[in-house]
Each structure stands twice: as structure tokens, then as C-alpha cells.
Amino acid sequence: MQFTAQAGSALQTKTVQVNNKSGGLMSWTASIGTMTGSGWLTINPTAGVNGGTVLVNVFPQRLTPGTYTASLIVDAGPQVGNQTLPISVTVTAASPRRFHLQLLPCRRRLFRLLSRWCCRAW
């Protein structure tokens, strides 16, 4: 599972489906395995019965530019086993904010008294 985001950007969420294909009752747990960095990844829920959807939340605003990795482990016990899903997020530098300034001849009387020029920014 891969995420790409700019530094400082908002939360991103993807989903992982847990399926019980063999029938019967299947209890499972979900956890985060090894992770580079900290505080940038959460999962919910962390347990379920039979099928379900695990939300994988990445918080790029908590990271500096770089690549971060983790793993999601879904464990259904010794009879069913577990699955590990690698997760990576690549954070790029935020785009610089652009500011434009233009000097125009002033047409408003008040501004003309103070200066010959008015500024317009966008």
C-alpha cells in the first residue's frame, strides 16, 4: 500500500478488506508492525470477527520530506494464520507559495493624495 503526499498536507486514508473465505467464526486482530519514524500512521479497528474493513490513516503533516515504511499485520490465529501488508509513504517538499505584486497608477483620490502608486497583490 503506497501513499504520496506533500509535507504539511492533510490526512490520507485507504482501506484494507479482511475476508473470511473458509466460513465458520474467524476472530482477527490488526496491528502496526515495524515502522520508520513515529506518529504518522494509525489503523482502526484493531480487531474484528469474520470480515471487516481496516482504515489505514497516514498523517503527512507530521513528517518531513522522505520515505517512511511500516507494515500492517492482520492475525487470525494459529489455524488461519496472518498476513503482512507493507505500507510506504513518500513525502515531498511543499510547493513554495507564490506572491505577485503589481504597481499601478492610483485612481482613488485618497490613495493619490498619499502616493502616486497603488499596489495590487494576488
PDB file of N, CA and C in Angstrom:
ATOM      1  N   MET A   1       0.858  -1.159   0.000  1.00  0.00           N
ATOM      2  CA  MET A   1       0.000   0.000   0.000  1.00  0.00           C
ATOM      3  C   MET A   1       0.908   1.226   0.000  1.00  0.00           C
ATOM      4  N   GLN A   2       0.702   2.109  -0.974  1.00  0.00           N
ATOM      5  CA  GLN A   2       1.580   3.266  -1.106  1.00  0.00           C
ATOM      6  C   GLN A   2       0.792   4.568  -1.030  1.00  0.00           C
ATOM      7  N   PHE A   3       1.402   5.525  -0.360  1.00  0.00           N
ATOM      8  CA  PHE A   3       0.859   6.881  -0.251  1.00  0.00           C
ATOM      9  C   PHE A   3       1.924   7.844  -0.757  1.00  0.00           C
ATOM     10  N   THR A   4       1.486   8.952  -1.351  1.00  0.00           N
ATOM     11  CA  THR A   4       2.379  10.043  -1.743  1.00  0.00           C
ATOM     12  C   THR A   4       1.712  11.338  -1.307  1.00  0.00           C
ATOM     13  N   ALA A   5       2.484  12.226  -0.680  1.00  0.00           N
ATOM     14  CA  ALA A   5       1.905  13.474  -0.180  1.00  0.00           C
ATOM     15  C   ALA A   5       2.966  14.557  -0.083  1.00  0.00           C
ATOM     16  N   GLN A   6       2.517  15.807  -0.077  1.00  0.00           N
ATOM     17  CA  GLN A   6       3.405  16.934   0.188  1.00  0.00           C
ATOM     18  C   GLN A   6       3.503  17.124   1.698  1.00  0.00           C
ATOM     19  N   ALA A   7       4.662  17.561   2.158  1.00  0.00           N
ATOM     20  CA  ALA A   7       4.843  17.862   3.579  1.00  0.00           C
ATOM     21  C   ALA A   7       3.787  18.875   4.009  1.00  0.00           C
ATOM     22  N   GLY A   8       3.184  18.632   5.153  1.00  0.00           N
ATOM     23  CA  GLY A   8       2.177  19.537   5.682  1.00  0.00           C
ATOM     24  C   GLY A   8       0.775  19.296   5.162  1.00  0.00           C
ATOM     25  N   SER A   9       0.610  18.346   4.246  1.00  0.00           N
ATOM     26  CA  SER A   9      -0.721  18.113   3.687  1.00  0.00           C
ATOM     27  C   SER A   9      -1.607  17.324   4.659  1.00  0.00           C
ATOM     28  N   ALA A  10      -2.859  17.222   4.306  1.00  0.00           N
ATOM     29  CA  ALA A  10      -3.873  16.638   5.196  1.00  0.00           C
ATOM     30  C   ALA A  10      -3.820  15.111   5.235  1.00  0.00           C
ATOM     31  N   LEU A  11      -4.525  14.581   6.205  1.00  0.00           N
ATOM     32  CA  LEU A  11      -4.691  13.153   6.409  1.00  0.00           C
ATOM     33  C   LEU A  11      -5.101  12.445   5.118  1.00  0.00           C
ATOM     34  N   GLN A  12      -4.521  11.256   4.897  1.00  0.00           N
ATOM     35  CA  GLN A  12      -4.931  10.392   3.790  1.00  0.00           C
ATOM     36  C   GLN A  12      -5.360   9.056   4.377  1.00  0.00           C
ATOM     37  N   THR A  13      -6.416   8.484   3.823  1.00  0.00           N
ATOM     38  CA  THR A  13      -6.933   7.208   4.322  1.00  0.00           C
ATOM     39  C   THR A  13      -7.140   6.245   3.169  1.00  0.00           C
ATOM     40  N   LYS A  14      -6.721   4.992   3.372  1.00  0.00           N
ATOM     41  CA  LYS A  14      -7.019   3.892   2.460  1.00  0.00           C
ATOM     42  C   LYS A  14      -7.594   2.761   3.295  1.00  0.00           C
ATOM     43  N   THR A  15      -8.216   1.799   2.627  1.00  0.00           N
ATOM     44  CA  THR A  15      -8.854   0.702   3.349  1.00  0.00           C
ATOM     45  C   THR A  15      -8.244  -0.644   2.979  1.00  0.00           C
ATOM     46  N   VAL A  16      -8.325  -1.568   3.920  1.00  0.00           N
ATOM     47  CA  VAL A  16      -7.909  -2.950   3.710  1.00  0.00           C
ATOM     48  C   VAL A  16      -9.091  -3.830   4.106  1.00  0.00           C
ATOM     49  N   GLN A  17      -9.485  -4.720   3.208  1.00  0.00           N
ATOM     50  CA  GLN A  17     -10.591  -5.634   3.488  1.00  0.00           C
ATOM     51  C   GLN A  17     -10.064  -6.902   4.142  1.00  0.00           C
ATOM     52  N   VAL A  18     -10.718  -7.339   5.217  1.00  0.00           N
ATOM     53  CA  VAL A  18     -10.439  -8.617   5.854  1.00  0.00           C
ATOM     54  C   VAL A  18     -11.612  -9.523   5.493  1.00  0.00           C
ATOM     55  N   ASN A  19     -11.311 -10.681   4.881  1.00  0.00           N
ATOM     56  CA  ASN A  19     -12.362 -11.590   4.420  1.00  0.00           C
ATOM     57  C   ASN A  19     -12.205 -12.964   5.060  1.00  0.00           C
ATOM     58  N   ASN A  20     -13.308 -13.558   5.440  1.00  0.00           N
ATOM     59  CA  ASN A  20     -13.354 -14.926   5.947  1.00  0.00           C
ATOM     60  C   ASN A  20     -13.870 -15.803   4.810  1.00  0.00           C
ATOM     61  N   LYS A  21     -12.956 -16.387   4.047  1.00  0.00           N
ATOM     62  CA  LYS A  21     -13.351 -17.163   2.866  1.00  0.00           C
ATOM     63  C   LYS A  21     -13.640 -18.626   3.191  1.00  0.00           C
ATOM     64  N   SER A  22     -13.261 -19.089   4.377  1.00  0.00           N
ATOM     65  CA  SER A  22     -13.438 -20.509   4.684  1.00  0.00           C
ATOM     66  C   SER A  22     -14.677 -20.796   5.518  1.00  0.00           C
ATOM     67  N   GLY A  23     -15.441 -19.794   5.855  1.00  0.00           N
ATOM     68  CA  GLY A  23     -16.642 -19.996   6.658  1.00  0.00           C
ATOM     69  C   GLY A  23     -16.291 -20.184   8.122  1.00  0.00           C
ATOM     70  N   GLY A  24     -17.292 -20.375   8.942  1.00  0.00           N
ATOM     71  CA  GLY A  24     -17.047 -20.508  10.370  1.00  0.00           C
ATOM     72  C   GLY A  24     -16.743 -19.161  10.993  1.00  0.00           C
ATOM     73  N   LEU A  25     -16.380 -19.190  12.245  1.00  0.00           N
ATOM     74  CA  LEU A  25     -16.083 -17.980  13.007  1.00  0.00           C
ATOM     75  C   LEU A  25     -14.591 -17.665  12.908  1.00  0.00           C
ATOM     76  N   MET A  26     -14.256 -16.434  12.556  1.00  0.00           N
ATOM     77  CA  MET A  26     -12.847 -16.032  12.455  1.00  0.00           C
ATOM     78  C   MET A  26     -12.644 -14.714  13.196  1.00  0.00           C
ATOM     79  N   SER A  27     -11.996 -14.766  14.322  1.00  0.00           N
ATOM     80  CA  SER A  27     -11.605 -13.556  15.046  1.00  0.00           C
ATOM     81  C   SER A  27     -10.230 -13.134  14.550  1.00  0.00           C
ATOM     82  N   TRP A  28     -10.028 -11.844  14.407  1.00  0.00           N
ATOM     83  CA  TRP A  28      -8.748 -11.341  13.926  1.00  0.00           C
ATOM     84  C   TRP A  28      -8.354 -10.070  14.665  1.00  0.00           C
ATOM     85  N   THR A  29      -7.067  -9.795  14.646  1.00  0.00           N
ATOM     86  CA  THR A  29      -6.529  -8.550  15.185  1.00  0.00           C
ATOM     87  C   THR A  29      -5.691  -7.878  14.102  1.00  0.00           C
ATOM     88  N   ALA A  30      -5.622  -6.567  14.158  1.00  0.00           N
ATOM     89  CA  ALA A  30      -4.785  -5.802  13.234  1.00  0.00           C
ATOM     90  C   ALA A  30      -3.831  -4.952  14.064  1.00  0.00           C
ATOM     91  N   SER A  31      -2.582  -4.920  13.636  1.00  0.00           N
ATOM     92  CA  SER A  31      -1.577  -4.133  14.365  1.00  0.00           C
ATOM     93  C   SER A  31      -0.572  -3.550  13.379  1.00  0.00           C
ATOM     94  N   ILE A  32       0.148  -2.551  13.847  1.00  0.00           N
ATOM     95  CA  ILE A  32       1.211  -1.939  13.051  1.00  0.00           C
ATOM     96  C   ILE A  32       2.509  -2.628  13.439  1.00  0.00           C
ATOM     97  N   GLY A  33       3.195  -3.171  12.438  1.00  0.00           N
ATOM     98  CA  GLY A  33       4.487  -3.811  12.683  1.00  0.00           C
ATOM     99  C   GLY A  33       5.591  -2.778  12.681  1.00  0.00           C
ATOM    100  N   THR A  34       6.763  -3.159  12.231  1.00  0.00           N
ATOM    101  CA  THR A  34       7.908  -2.249  12.213  1.00  0.00           C
ATOM    102  C   THR A  34       7.561  -0.973  11.448  1.00  0.00           C
ATOM    103  N   MET A  35       8.041   0.149  11.970  1.00  0.00           N
ATOM    104  CA  MET A  35       7.707   1.447  11.379  1.00  0.00           C
ATOM    105  C   MET A  35       8.905   2.381  11.498  1.00  0.00           C
ATOM    106  N   THR A  36       9.233   3.068  10.387  1.00  0.00           N
ATOM    107  CA  THR A  36      10.262   4.110  10.460  1.00  0.00           C
ATOM    108  C   THR A  36       9.575   5.399  10.887  1.00  0.00           C
ATOM    109  N   GLY A  37      10.204   6.119  11.796  1.00  0.00           N
ATOM    110  CA  GLY A  37       9.575   7.318  12.339  1.00  0.00           C
ATOM    111  C   GLY A  37       8.484   6.911  13.312  1.00  0.00           C
ATOM    112  N   SER A  38       7.704   7.882  13.747  1.00  0.00           N
ATOM    113  CA  SER A  38       6.605   7.572  14.659  1.00  0.00           C
ATOM    114  C   SER A  38       5.496   8.603  14.524  1.00  0.00           C
ATOM    115  N   GLY A  39       4.294   8.205  14.893  1.00  0.00           N
ATOM    116  CA  GLY A  39       3.174   9.122  14.939  1.00  0.00           C
ATOM    117  C   GLY A  39       2.536   9.466  13.610  1.00  0.00           C
ATOM    118  N   TRP A  40       2.921   8.820  12.530  1.00  0.00           N
ATOM    119  CA  TRP A  40       2.381   9.186  11.226  1.00  0.00           C
ATOM    120  C   TRP A  40       1.353   8.198  10.689  1.00  0.00           C
ATOM    121  N   LEU A  41       1.123   7.093  11.419  1.00  0.00           N
ATOM    122  CA  LEU A  41       0.251   6.040  10.922  1.00  0.00           C
ATOM    123  C   LEU A  41      -0.653   5.529  12.031  1.00  0.00           C
ATOM    124  N   THR A  42      -1.959   5.399  11.743  1.00  0.00           N
ATOM    125  CA  THR A  42      -2.889   4.759  12.668  1.00  0.00           C
ATOM    126  C   THR A  42      -3.763   3.796  11.877  1.00  0.00           C
ATOM    127  N   ILE A  43      -4.330   2.817  12.593  1.00  0.00           N
ATOM    128  CA  ILE A  43      -5.286   1.893  11.989  1.00  0.00           C
ATOM    129  C   ILE A  43      -6.511   1.805  12.889  1.00  0.00           C
ATOM    130  N   ASN A  44      -7.652   1.486  12.260  1.00  0.00           N
ATOM    131  CA  ASN A  44      -8.890   1.361  13.025  1.00  0.00           C
ATOM    132  C   ASN A  44      -9.879   0.546  12.201  1.00  0.00           C
ATOM    133  N   PRO A  45     -10.487  -0.484  12.751  1.00  0.00           N
ATOM    134  CA  PRO A  45     -10.357  -1.012  14.104  1.00  0.00           C
ATOM    135  C   PRO A  45      -9.121  -1.893  14.220  1.00  0.00           C
ATOM    136  N   THR A  46      -8.826  -2.296  15.427  1.00  0.00           N
ATOM    137  CA  THR A  46      -7.675  -3.174  15.670  1.00  0.00           C
ATOM    138  C   THR A  46      -8.103  -4.615  15.922  1.00  0.00           C
ATOM    139  N   ALA A  47      -9.388  -4.904  15.804  1.00  0.00           N
ATOM    140  CA  ALA A  47      -9.876  -6.278  15.965  1.00  0.00           C
ATOM    141  C   ALA A  47     -11.249  -6.398  15.326  1.00  0.00           C
ATOM    142  N   GLY A  48     -11.622  -7.640  14.991  1.00  0.00           N
ATOM    143  CA  GLY A  48     -12.935  -7.882  14.419  1.00  0.00           C
ATOM    144  C   GLY A  48     -13.250  -9.363  14.386  1.00  0.00           C
ATOM    145  N   VAL A  49     -14.449  -9.667  13.928  1.00  0.00           N
ATOM    146  CA  VAL A  49     -14.898 -11.048  13.776  1.00  0.00           C
ATOM    147  C   VAL A  49     -15.398 -11.212  12.348  1.00  0.00           C
ATOM    148  N   ASN A  50     -14.939 -12.291  11.705  1.00  0.00           N
ATOM    149  CA  ASN A  50     -15.249 -12.581  10.304  1.00  0.00           C
ATOM    150  C   ASN A  50     -14.704 -11.462   9.426  1.00  0.00           C
ATOM    151  N   GLY A  51     -15.482 -10.906   8.522  1.00  0.00           N
ATOM    152  CA  GLY A  51     -14.974  -9.868   7.635  1.00  0.00           C
ATOM    153  C   GLY A  51     -14.985  -8.497   8.279  1.00  0.00           C
ATOM    154  N   GLY A  52     -14.306  -7.574   7.629  1.00  0.00           N
ATOM    155  CA  GLY A  52     -14.281  -6.204   8.116  1.00  0.00           C
ATOM    156  C   GLY A  52     -13.404  -5.335   7.243  1.00  0.00           C
ATOM    157  N   THR A  53     -13.407  -4.046   7.545  1.00  0.00           N
ATOM    158  CA  THR A  53     -12.589  -3.070   6.831  1.00  0.00           C
ATOM    159  C   THR A  53     -11.694  -2.366   7.836  1.00  0.00           C
ATOM    160  N   VAL A  54     -10.412  -2.368   7.566  1.00  0.00           N
ATOM    161  CA  VAL A  54      -9.442  -1.662   8.408  1.00  0.00           C
ATOM    162  C   VAL A  54      -9.085  -0.361   7.700  1.00  0.00           C
ATOM    163  N   LEU A  55      -9.260   0.755   8.397  1.00  0.00           N
ATOM    164  CA  LEU A  55      -8.855   2.058   7.867  1.00  0.00           C
ATOM    165  C   LEU A  55      -7.385   2.277   8.182  1.00  0.00           C
ATOM    166  N   VAL A  56      -6.611   2.610   7.170  1.00  0.00           N
ATOM    167  CA  VAL A  56      -5.190   2.917   7.329  1.00  0.00           C
ATOM    168  C   VAL A  56      -5.055   4.422   7.120  1.00  0.00           C
ATOM    169  N   ASN A  57      -4.692   5.143   8.179  1.00  0.00           N
ATOM    170  CA  ASN A  57      -4.609   6.608   8.158  1.00  0.00           C
ATOM    171  C   ASN A  57      -3.155   7.061   8.197  1.00  0.00           C
ATOM    172  N   VAL A  58      -2.785   7.904   7.260  1.00  0.00           N
ATOM    173  CA  VAL A  58      -1.432   8.465   7.195  1.00  0.00           C
ATOM    174  C   VAL A  58      -1.548   9.968   7.412  1.00  0.00           C
ATOM    175  N   PHE A  59      -0.676  10.500   8.277  1.00  0.00           N
ATOM    176  CA  PHE A  59      -0.674  11.922   8.627  1.00  0.00           C
ATOM    177  C   PHE A  59       0.597  12.583   8.087  1.00  0.00           C
ATOM    178  N   PRO A  60       0.609  13.027   6.813  1.00  0.00           N
ATOM    179  CA  PRO A  60       1.809  13.641   6.234  1.00  0.00           C
ATOM    180  C   PRO A  60       2.231  14.927   6.934  1.00  0.00           C
ATOM    181  N   GLN A  61       1.280  15.633   7.579  1.00  0.00           N
ATOM    182  CA  GLN A  61       1.625  16.898   8.238  1.00  0.00           C
ATOM    183  C   GLN A  61       2.597  16.680   9.388  1.00  0.00           C
ATOM    184  N   ARG A  62       2.763  15.448   9.833  1.00  0.00           N
ATOM    185  CA  ARG A  62       3.678  15.147  10.933  1.00  0.00           C
ATOM    186  C   ARG A  62       5.060  14.704  10.435  1.00  0.00           C
ATOM    187  N   LEU A  63       5.272  14.765   9.117  1.00  0.00           N
ATOM    188  CA  LEU A  63       6.516  14.235   8.545  1.00  0.00           C
ATOM    189  C   LEU A  63       7.283  15.279   7.745  1.00  0.00           C
ATOM    190  N   THR A  64       8.595  15.132   7.747  1.00  0.00           N
ATOM    191  CA  THR A  64       9.455  15.922   6.869  1.00  0.00           C
ATOM    192  C   THR A  64       9.632  15.134   5.576  1.00  0.00           C
ATOM    193  N   PRO A  65      10.079  15.782   4.496  1.00  0.00           N
ATOM    194  CA  PRO A  65      10.241  15.053   3.236  1.00  0.00           C
ATOM    195  C   PRO A  65      11.139  13.818   3.393  1.00  0.00           C
ATOM    196  N   GLY A  66      10.723  12.747   2.732  1.00  0.00           N
ATOM    197  CA  GLY A  66      11.456  11.476   2.775  1.00  0.00           C
ATOM    198  C   GLY A  66      10.490  10.325   2.554  1.00  0.00           C
ATOM    199  N   THR A  67      11.008   9.110   2.688  1.00  0.00           N
ATOM    200  CA  THR A  67      10.195   7.912   2.539  1.00  0.00           C
ATOM    201  C   THR A  67      10.128   7.190   3.872  1.00  0.00           C
ATOM    202  N   TYR A  68       8.926   6.819   4.263  1.00  0.00           N
ATOM    203  CA  TYR A  68       8.685   6.155   5.540  1.00  0.00           C
ATOM    204  C   TYR A  68       7.981   4.826   5.258  1.00  0.00           C
ATOM    205  N   THR A  69       8.310   3.813   6.039  1.00  0.00           N
ATOM    206  CA  THR A  69       7.721   2.497   5.823  1.00  0.00           C
ATOM    207  C   THR A  69       7.169   1.934   7.119  1.00  0.00           C
ATOM    208  N   ALA A  70       6.214   1.044   6.958  1.00  0.00           N
ATOM    209  CA  ALA A  70       5.614   0.341   8.089  1.00  0.00           C
ATOM    210  C   ALA A  70       4.988  -0.931   7.537  1.00  0.00           C
ATOM    211  N   SER A  71       4.382  -1.707   8.414  1.00  0.00           N
ATOM    212  CA  SER A  71       3.643  -2.879   7.964  1.00  0.00           C
ATOM    213  C   SER A  71       2.371  -3.010   8.774  1.00  0.00           C
ATOM    214  N   LEU A  72       1.327  -3.493   8.116  1.00  0.00           N
ATOM    215  CA  LEU A  72       0.060  -3.806   8.759  1.00  0.00           C
ATOM    216  C   LEU A  72      -0.006  -5.325   8.876  1.00  0.00           C
ATOM    217  N   ILE A  73      -0.214  -5.813  10.076  1.00  0.00           N
ATOM    218  CA  ILE A  73      -0.297  -7.255  10.310  1.00  0.00           C
ATOM    219  C   ILE A  73      -1.724  -7.585  10.725  1.00  0.00           C
ATOM    220  N   VAL A  74      -2.363  -8.458   9.970  1.00  0.00           N
ATOM    221  CA  VAL A  74      -3.690  -8.964  10.320  1.00  0.00           C
ATOM    222  C   VAL A  74      -3.492 -10.424  10.721  1.00  0.00           C
ATOM    223  N   ASP A  75      -3.805 -10.726  11.967  1.00  0.00           N
ATOM    224  CA  ASP A  75      -3.572 -12.060  12.534  1.00  0.00           C
ATOM    225  C   ASP A  75      -4.904 -12.693  12.924  1.00  0.00           C
ATOM    226  N   ALA A  76      -5.191 -13.857  12.349  1.00  0.00           N
ATOM    227  CA  ALA A  76      -6.438 -14.566  12.634  1.00  0.00           C
ATOM    228  C   ALA A  76      -6.185 -15.834  13.448  1.00  0.00           C
ATOM    229  N   GLY A  77      -5.067 -15.899  14.122  1.00  0.00           N
ATOM    230  CA  GLY A  77      -4.801 -17.037  15.000  1.00  0.00           C
ATOM    231  C   GLY A  77      -4.018 -18.151  14.314  1.00  0.00           C
ATOM    232  N   PRO A  78      -3.618 -19.175  15.095  1.00  0.00           N
ATOM    233  CA  PRO A  78      -2.731 -20.211  14.574  1.00  0.00           C
ATOM    234  C   PRO A  78      -3.356 -21.084  13.477  1.00  0.00           C
ATOM    235  N   GLN A  79      -4.654 -21.287  13.490  1.00  0.00           N
ATOM    236  CA  GLN A  79      -5.264 -22.143  12.471  1.00  0.00           C
ATOM    237  C   GLN A  79      -5.400 -21.436  11.126  1.00  0.00           C
ATOM    238  N   VAL A  80      -5.690 -20.143  11.147  1.00  0.00           N
ATOM    239  CA  VAL A  80      -5.885 -19.386   9.910  1.00  0.00           C
ATOM    240  C   VAL A  80      -4.589 -18.710   9.481  1.00  0.00           C
ATOM    241  N   GLY A  81      -3.821 -18.197  10.436  1.00  0.00           N
ATOM    242  CA  GLY A  81      -2.552 -17.546  10.135  1.00  0.00           C
ATOM    243  C   GLY A  81      -2.663 -16.031  10.088  1.00  0.00           C
ATOM    244  N   ASN A  82      -1.611 -15.414   9.579  1.00  0.00           N
ATOM    245  CA  ASN A  82      -1.585 -13.953   9.488  1.00  0.00           C
ATOM    246  C   ASN A  82      -1.116 -13.507   8.115  1.00  0.00           C
ATOM    247  N   GLN A  83      -1.387 -12.270   7.829  1.00  0.00           N
ATOM    248  CA  GLN A  83      -0.956 -11.626   6.587  1.00  0.00           C
ATOM    249  C   GLN A  83      -0.291 -10.306   6.944  1.00  0.00           C
ATOM    250  N   THR A  84       0.795 -10.001   6.240  1.00  0.00           N
ATOM    251  CA  THR A  84       1.503  -8.741   6.444  1.00  0.00           C
ATOM    252  C   THR A  84       1.448  -7.929   5.158  1.00  0.00           C
ATOM    253  N   LEU A  85       1.037  -6.681   5.287  1.00  0.00           N
ATOM    254  CA  LEU A  85       0.927  -5.780   4.147  1.00  0.00           C
ATOM    255  C   LEU A  85       1.914  -4.630   4.339  1.00  0.00           C
ATOM    256  N   PRO A  86       2.886  -4.475   3.434  1.00  0.00           N
ATOM    257  CA  PRO A  86       3.809  -3.334   3.557  1.00  0.00           C
ATOM    258  C   PRO A  86       3.099  -2.020   3.241  1.00  0.00           C
ATOM    259  N   ILE A  87       3.478  -0.983   3.974  1.00  0.00           N
ATOM    260  CA  ILE A  87       2.922   0.367   3.781  1.00  0.00           C
ATOM    261  C   ILE A  87       4.094   1.324   3.602  1.00  0.00           C
ATOM    262  N   SER A  88       3.996   2.204   2.623  1.00  0.00           N
ATOM    263  CA  SER A  88       5.035   3.226   2.467  1.00  0.00           C
ATOM    264  C   SER A  88       4.374   4.559   2.146  1.00  0.00           C
ATOM    265  N   VAL A  89       5.001   5.606   2.620  1.00  0.00           N
ATOM    266  CA  VAL A  89       4.559   6.961   2.280  1.00  0.00           C
ATOM    267  C   VAL A  89       5.793   7.743   1.853  1.00  0.00           C
ATOM    268  N   THR A  90       5.675   8.392   0.703  1.00  0.00           N
ATOM    269  CA  THR A  90       6.729   9.262   0.207  1.00  0.00           C
ATOM    270  C   THR A  90       6.236  10.690   0.372  1.00  0.00           C
ATOM    271  N   VAL A  91       6.979  11.455   1.164  1.00  0.00           N
ATOM    272  CA  VAL A  91       6.608  12.845   1.436  1.00  0.00           C
ATOM    273  C   VAL A  91       7.558  13.747   0.658  1.00  0.00           C
ATOM    274  N   THR A  92       6.978  14.623  -0.152  1.00  0.00           N
ATOM    275  CA  THR A  92       7.782  15.565  -0.928  1.00  0.00           C
ATOM    276  C   THR A  92       7.714  16.942  -0.272  1.00  0.00           C
ATOM    277  N   ALA A  93       8.647  17.786  -0.624  1.00  0.00           N
ATOM    278  CA  ALA A  93       8.662  19.145  -0.075  1.00  0.00           C
ATOM    279  C   ALA A  93       7.423  19.903  -0.536  1.00  0.00           C
ATOM    280  N   ALA A  94       6.911  20.731   0.327  1.00  0.00           N
ATOM    281  CA  ALA A  94       5.743  21.550  -0.013  1.00  0.00           C
ATOM    282  C   ALA A  94       6.119  22.554  -1.096  1.00  0.00           C
ATOM    283  N   SER A  95       5.175  22.832  -1.972  1.00  0.00           N
ATOM    284  CA  SER A  95       5.415  23.823  -3.021  1.00  0.00           C
ATOM    285  C   SER A  95       5.530  25.211  -2.393  1.00  0.00           C
ATOM    286  N   PRO A  96       6.473  26.023  -2.875  1.00  0.00           N
ATOM    287  CA  PRO A  96       6.575  27.376  -2.325  1.00  0.00           C
ATOM    288  C   PRO A  96       5.334  28.180  -2.681  1.00  0.00           C
ATOM    289  N   ARG A  97       4.933  29.027  -1.763  1.00  0.00           N
ATOM    290  CA  ARG A  97       3.784  29.894  -2.025  1.00  0.00           C
ATOM    291  C   ARG A  97       4.229  31.007  -2.959  1.00  0.00           C
ATOM    292  N   ARG A  98       3.401  31.306  -3.923  1.00  0.00           N
ATOM    293  CA  ARG A  98       3.726  32.355  -4.886  1.00  0.00           C
ATOM    294  C   ARG A  98       2.950  33.614  -4.537  1.00  0.00           C
ATOM    295  N   PHE A  99       3.635  34.721  -4.666  1.00  0.00           N
ATOM    296  CA  PHE A  99       3.031  36.008  -4.338  1.00  0.00           C
ATOM    297  C   PHE A  99       3.368  36.959  -5.478  1.00  0.00           C
ATOM    298  N   HIS A 100       2.361  37.605  -6.007  1.00  0.00           N
ATOM    299  CA  HIS A 100       2.555  38.558  -7.097  1.00  0.00           C
ATOM    300  C   HIS A 100       2.220  39.958  -6.592  1.00  0.00           C
ATOM    301  N   LEU A 101       3.041  40.899  -6.981  1.00  0.00           N
ATOM    302  CA  LEU A 101       2.817  42.286  -6.595  1.00  0.00           C
ATOM    303  C   LEU A 101       2.925  43.142  -7.844  1.00  0.00           C
ATOM    304  N   GLN A 102       1.975  44.026  -8.015  1.00  0.00           N
ATOM    305  CA  GLN A 102       1.974  44.876  -9.193  1.00  0.00           C
ATOM    306  C   GLN A 102       1.724  46.318  -8.759  1.00  0.00           C
ATOM    307  N   LEU A 103       2.524  47.223  -9.267  1.00  0.00           N
ATOM    308  CA  LEU A 103       2.321  48.653  -9.007  1.00  0.00           C
ATOM    309  C   LEU A 103       1.531  49.242 -10.162  1.00  0.00           C
ATOM    310  N   LEU A 104       0.439  49.909  -9.816  1.00  0.00           N
ATOM    311  CA  LEU A 104      -0.428  50.511 -10.825  1.00  0.00           C
ATOM    312  C   LEU A 104      -0.619  51.983 -10.516  1.00  0.00           C
ATOM    313  N   PRO A 105      -0.847  52.804 -11.521  1.00  0.00           N
ATOM    314  CA  PRO A 105      -1.188  54.194 -11.232  1.00  0.00           C
ATOM    315  C   PRO A 105      -2.487  54.206 -10.416  1.00  0.00           C
ATOM    316  N   CYS A 106      -2.515  55.034  -9.399  1.00  0.00           N
ATOM    317  CA  CYS A 106      -3.648  55.039  -8.480  1.00  0.00           C
ATOM    318  C   CYS A 106      -4.758  55.942  -9.007  1.00  0.00           C
ATOM    319  N   ARG A 107      -5.982  55.429  -8.972  1.00  0.00           N
ATOM    320  CA  ARG A 107      -7.124  56.211  -9.452  1.00  0.00           C
ATOM    321  C   ARG A 107      -8.001  56.682  -8.309  1.00  0.00           C
ATOM    322  N   ARG A 108      -7.795  56.152  -7.136  1.00  0.00           N
ATOM    323  CA  ARG A 108      -8.601  56.573  -5.990  1.00  0.00           C
ATOM    324  C   ARG A 108      -7.996  57.827  -5.381  1.00  0.00           C
ATOM    325  N   ARG A 109      -8.836  58.809  -5.116  1.00  0.00           N
ATOM    326  CA  ARG A 109      -8.377  60.109  -4.646  1.00  0.00           C
ATOM    327  C   ARG A 109      -7.574  60.002  -3.356  1.00  0.00           C
ATOM    328  N   LEU A 110      -8.057  59.236  -2.362  1.00  0.00           N
ATOM    329  CA  LEU A 110      -7.358  59.124  -1.079  1.00  0.00           C
ATOM    330  C   LEU A 110      -5.943  58.585  -1.286  1.00  0.00           C
ATOM    331  N   PHE A 111      -5.838  57.548  -2.095  1.00  0.00           N
ATOM    332  CA  PHE A 111      -4.515  56.973  -2.322  1.00  0.00           C
ATOM    333  C   PHE A 111      -3.629  57.903  -3.144  1.00  0.00           C
ATOM    334  N   ARG A 112      -4.239  58.660  -4.075  1.00  0.00           N
ATOM    335  CA  ARG A 112      -3.450  59.597  -4.872  1.00  0.00           C
ATOM    336  C   ARG A 112      -2.836  60.668  -3.997  1.00  0.00           C
ATOM    337  N   LEU A 113      -3.551  61.061  -2.932  1.00  0.00           N
ATOM    338  CA  LEU A 113      -3.013  62.074  -2.030  1.00  0.00           C
ATOM    339  C   LEU A 113      -1.786  61.535  -1.288  1.00  0.00           C
ATOM    340  N   LEU A 114      -1.796  60.233  -0.978  1.00  0.00           N
ATOM    341  CA  LEU A 114      -0.693  59.633  -0.223  1.00  0.00           C
ATOM    342  C   LEU A 114       0.466  59.223  -1.124  1.00  0.00           C
ATOM    343  N   SER A 115       0.128  58.760  -2.288  1.00  0.00           N
ATOM    344  CA  SER A 115       1.155  58.256  -3.185  1.00  0.00           C
ATOM    345  C   SER A 115       0.592  58.214  -4.594  1.00  0.00           C
ATOM    346  N   ARG A 116       1.459  58.205  -5.556  1.00  0.00           N
ATOM    347  CA  ARG A 116       1.000  58.112  -6.936  1.00  0.00           C
ATOM    348  C   ARG A 116       0.718  56.673  -7.337  1.00  0.00           C
ATOM    349  N   TRP A 117       1.169  55.734  -6.554  1.00  0.00           N
ATOM    350  CA  TRP A 117       1.081  54.317  -6.946  1.00  0.00           C
ATOM    351  C   TRP A 117       0.241  53.514  -5.962  1.00  0.00           C
ATOM    352  N   CYS A 118      -0.482  52.555  -6.450  1.00  0.00           N
ATOM    353  CA  CYS A 118      -1.242  51.604  -5.641  1.00  0.00           C
ATOM    354  C   CYS A 118      -0.669  50.214  -5.884  1.00  0.00           C
ATOM    355  N   CYS A 119      -0.793  49.399  -4.902  1.00  0.00           N
ATOM    356  CA  CYS A 119      -0.327  48.013  -5.030  1.00  0.00           C
ATOM    357  C   CYS A 119      -1.520  47.080  -5.172  1.00  0.00           C
ATOM    358  N   ARG A 120      -1.345  46.077  -5.950  1.00  0.00           N
ATOM    359  CA  ARG A 120      -2.330  45.016  -6.054  1.00  0.00           C
ATOM    360  C   ARG A 120      -1.613  43.692  -5.868  1.00  0.00           C
ATOM    361  N   ALA A 121      -2.118  42.892  -4.965  1.00  0.00           N
ATOM    362  CA  ALA A 121      -1.485  41.598  -4.689  1.00  0.00           C
ATOM    363  C   ALA A 121      -2.479  40.486  -4.960  1.00  0.00           C
ATOM    364  N   TRP A 122      -1.984  39.359  -5.435  1.00  0.00           N
ATOM    365  CA  TRP A 122      -2.803  38.173  -5.616  1.00  0.00           C
ATOM    366  C   TRP A 122      -1.964  36.928  -5.535  1.00  0.00           C
TER     367      TRP A 122
END
